[in-house]
Amino acid sequence: MDAKVIWSERLHFNGSAGSGLELPLDSGPGGFDPLELLAIGLAGCTAMDVISILSKKKQDVTAFHVQVHAEQQTEHPHVFTTAKILYLVTGHNVDEAAVRRAIELSALKYCPVQAMLTKAFPIELFYEIYADLGDGATELVTRGQSPNGILWLPPQ
């Protein structure tokens, strides 16, 4: 994979990679901070895996999103020190075991972003499953930590 950034002014750059799409980067409000992109990349990578797996498992998912909360050290270089990923799944009769397995497969087999980042800091995984009651109404069915309470720790 190749990527590049081209400087335009002050701390504003335009980044691109193989897709040809451009993404603004900036240390201020004019674009994404590079660490934000890491968190978005983590969320996007695992989200694509999990929704794909749930689809193959014939789960009736009507809404899905993934939230990443990453803590950073206070001194430079402000690296991530821990992260929590929360998977929010809404649908009709969504099977908890299917959700747990999809998260586990993403974490342990498919998501390269998560595989790389777990070598640097621990990542905890959580999920919430909601019943879709129609007209935008939902009801929490269950929540938990997956897979099986595993906390990935960086190598010593």
Protein backbone atom coordinates (compact mmCIF):
# COMPACT_ATOMS: atom_id res chain seq x y z
CA MET A 1 0.00 0.00 0.00
CA ASP A 2 1.25 3.46 -0.84
CA ALA A 3 0.05 6.69 0.71
CA LYS A 4 1.14 10.31 0.50
CA VAL A 5 0.41 13.73 1.93
CA ILE A 6 0.88 16.99 0.09
CA TRP A 7 1.40 20.18 2.07
CA SER A 8 -0.77 23.16 1.19
CA GLU A 9 -0.18 25.71 3.99
CA ARG A 10 0.64 25.99 7.70
CA LEU A 11 -0.17 22.51 9.08
CA HIS A 12 -2.73 21.64 6.41
CA PHE A 13 -2.10 18.66 4.12
CA ASN A 14 -4.14 16.57 1.71
CA GLY A 15 -3.62 12.84 2.02
CA SER A 16 -4.34 10.15 -0.51
CA ALA A 17 -3.72 6.46 -1.07
CA GLY A 18 -4.54 3.85 -3.69
CA SER A 19 -8.25 4.73 -3.81
CA GLY A 20 -7.42 8.15 -5.25
CA LEU A 21 -9.69 9.85 -2.73
CA GLU A 22 -8.27 12.81 -0.81
CA LEU A 23 -8.55 13.43 2.90
CA PRO A 24 -7.73 16.73 4.62
CA LEU A 25 -5.26 16.59 7.51
CA ASP A 26 -4.70 19.50 9.88
CA SER A 27 -3.79 20.14 13.48
CA GLY A 28 -6.79 22.46 13.74
CA PRO A 29 -10.43 22.41 12.63
CA GLY A 30 -9.58 22.20 8.90
CA GLY A 31 -9.08 18.44 8.75
CA PHE A 32 -8.44 15.19 10.55
CA ASP A 33 -5.66 14.80 13.08
CA PRO A 34 -3.53 11.74 12.18
CA LEU A 35 -4.40 10.00 15.48
CA GLU A 36 -8.09 10.52 14.76
CA LEU A 37 -7.53 8.64 11.52
CA LEU A 38 -6.01 5.72 13.44
CA ALA A 39 -9.12 5.53 15.66
CA ILE A 40 -11.42 5.84 12.62
CA GLY A 41 -9.39 3.18 10.82
CA LEU A 42 -9.76 0.83 13.78
CA ALA A 43 -13.51 1.43 13.99
CA GLY A 44 -13.98 1.08 10.23
CA CYS A 45 -11.89 -2.06 9.89
CA THR A 46 -13.66 -4.01 12.63
CA ALA A 47 -17.09 -2.62 11.66
CA MET A 48 -16.72 -3.91 8.09
CA ASP A 49 -15.73 -7.34 9.39
CA VAL A 50 -18.51 -7.61 11.96
CA ILE A 51 -21.34 -6.45 9.69
CA SER A 52 -20.11 -8.77 6.92
CA ILE A 53 -20.03 -11.75 9.30
CA LEU A 54 -23.45 -10.92 10.76
CA SER A 55 -24.84 -10.71 7.22
CA LYS A 56 -23.42 -14.14 6.38
CA LYS A 57 -24.97 -15.46 9.60
CA LYS A 58 -28.34 -14.14 8.34
CA GLN A 59 -28.80 -11.77 11.27
CA ASP A 60 -31.54 -9.17 10.68
CA VAL A 61 -29.49 -6.06 11.55
CA THR A 62 -31.27 -2.76 10.94
CA ALA A 63 -28.68 -0.39 12.44
CA PHE A 64 -25.05 -0.82 13.40
CA HIS A 65 -22.25 1.38 14.54
CA VAL A 66 -18.93 1.10 16.27
CA GLN A 67 -17.45 3.56 18.75
CA VAL A 68 -13.77 3.69 19.67
CA HIS A 69 -12.58 5.48 22.79
CA ALA A 70 -8.80 5.71 23.01
CA GLU A 71 -6.87 7.11 25.95
CA GLN A 72 -3.65 9.00 25.23
CA GLN A 73 -0.63 9.67 27.39
CA THR A 74 -0.45 13.28 28.53
CA GLU A 75 3.13 13.93 27.48
CA HIS A 76 4.52 13.90 23.96
CA PRO A 77 4.20 11.96 21.72
CA HIS A 78 0.61 11.51 23.08
CA VAL A 79 0.40 7.89 21.96
CA PHE A 80 -2.67 5.77 22.61
CA THR A 81 -2.32 3.84 25.87
CA THR A 82 -5.61 1.89 25.89
CA ALA A 83 -8.74 1.65 23.79
CA LYS A 84 -12.28 0.43 24.16
CA ILE A 85 -14.39 -0.60 21.20
CA LEU A 86 -18.18 -0.60 21.60
CA TYR A 87 -20.29 -2.39 18.98
CA LEU A 88 -23.93 -1.25 18.92
CA VAL A 89 -26.15 -3.69 17.02
CA THR A 90 -29.86 -3.10 16.44
CA GLY A 91 -32.17 -5.53 14.71
CA HIS A 92 -34.83 -8.20 14.90
CA ASN A 93 -34.00 -11.28 16.99
CA VAL A 94 -30.24 -10.70 16.72
CA ASP A 95 -28.43 -13.68 18.24
CA GLU A 96 -25.95 -12.72 20.95
CA ALA A 97 -23.70 -15.69 20.14
CA ALA A 98 -23.50 -14.53 16.52
CA VAL A 99 -22.50 -11.02 17.62
CA ARG A 100 -19.86 -12.36 20.03
CA ARG A 101 -18.43 -14.66 17.35
CA ALA A 102 -18.35 -11.90 14.73
CA ILE A 103 -16.46 -9.62 17.13
CA GLU A 104 -14.08 -12.44 18.04
CA LEU A 105 -13.35 -13.28 14.39
CA SER A 106 -12.71 -9.63 13.58
CA ALA A 107 -10.38 -9.24 16.55
CA LEU A 108 -8.44 -12.46 16.18
CA LYS A 109 -8.47 -13.19 12.45
CA TYR A 110 -9.65 -10.50 10.04
CA CYS A 111 -9.01 -6.90 11.12
CA PRO A 112 -5.39 -5.96 10.34
CA VAL A 113 -5.72 -2.57 12.04
CA GLN A 114 -6.75 -4.18 15.32
CA ALA A 115 -4.06 -6.85 14.96
CA MET A 116 -1.37 -4.15 14.61
CA LEU A 117 -2.66 -1.88 17.34
CA THR A 118 -3.01 -4.67 19.92
CA LYS A 119 0.77 -5.04 19.70
CA ALA A 120 1.09 -1.48 21.03
CA PHE A 121 -1.67 -1.16 23.66
CA PRO A 122 -4.56 -3.13 25.21
CA ILE A 123 -7.95 -3.03 23.53
CA GLU A 124 -11.16 -4.02 25.33
CA LEU A 125 -14.23 -5.05 23.35
CA PHE A 126 -17.84 -4.44 24.39
CA TYR A 127 -21.20 -4.84 22.69
CA GLU A 128 -24.83 -3.82 23.13
CA ILE A 129 -27.69 -5.46 21.26
CA TYR A 130 -30.95 -3.59 20.79
CA ALA A 131 -34.33 -4.78 19.55
CA ASP A 132 -35.70 -2.70 16.67
CA LEU A 133 -39.25 -1.81 17.74
CA GLY A 134 -40.03 0.18 14.59
CA ASP A 135 -40.35 3.92 13.95
CA GLY A 136 -36.82 4.47 15.31
CA ALA A 137 -37.66 3.02 18.73
CA THR A 138 -35.24 0.53 20.27
CA GLU A 139 -34.93 -1.47 23.47
CA LEU A 140 -31.73 -2.82 25.01
CA VAL A 141 -31.73 -6.62 24.92
CA THR A 142 -28.27 -7.37 26.31
CA ARG A 143 -24.77 -6.06 26.69
CA GLY A 144 -21.46 -7.68 27.37
CA GLN A 145 -17.76 -7.89 26.86
CA SER A 146 -16.49 -10.03 24.05
CA PRO A 147 -15.01 -12.37 23.23
CA ASN A 148 -15.31 -14.18 26.51
CA GLY A 149 -13.88 -11.27 28.48
CA ILE A 150 -10.59 -11.35 26.60
CA LEU A 151 -8.41 -8.30 27.04
CA TRP A 152 -5.64 -8.10 24.47
CA LEU A 153 -2.37 -6.95 25.98
CA PRO A 154 0.72 -5.84 24.10
CA PRO A 155 3.67 -8.24 24.18
CA GLN A 156 6.13 -7.72 27.04
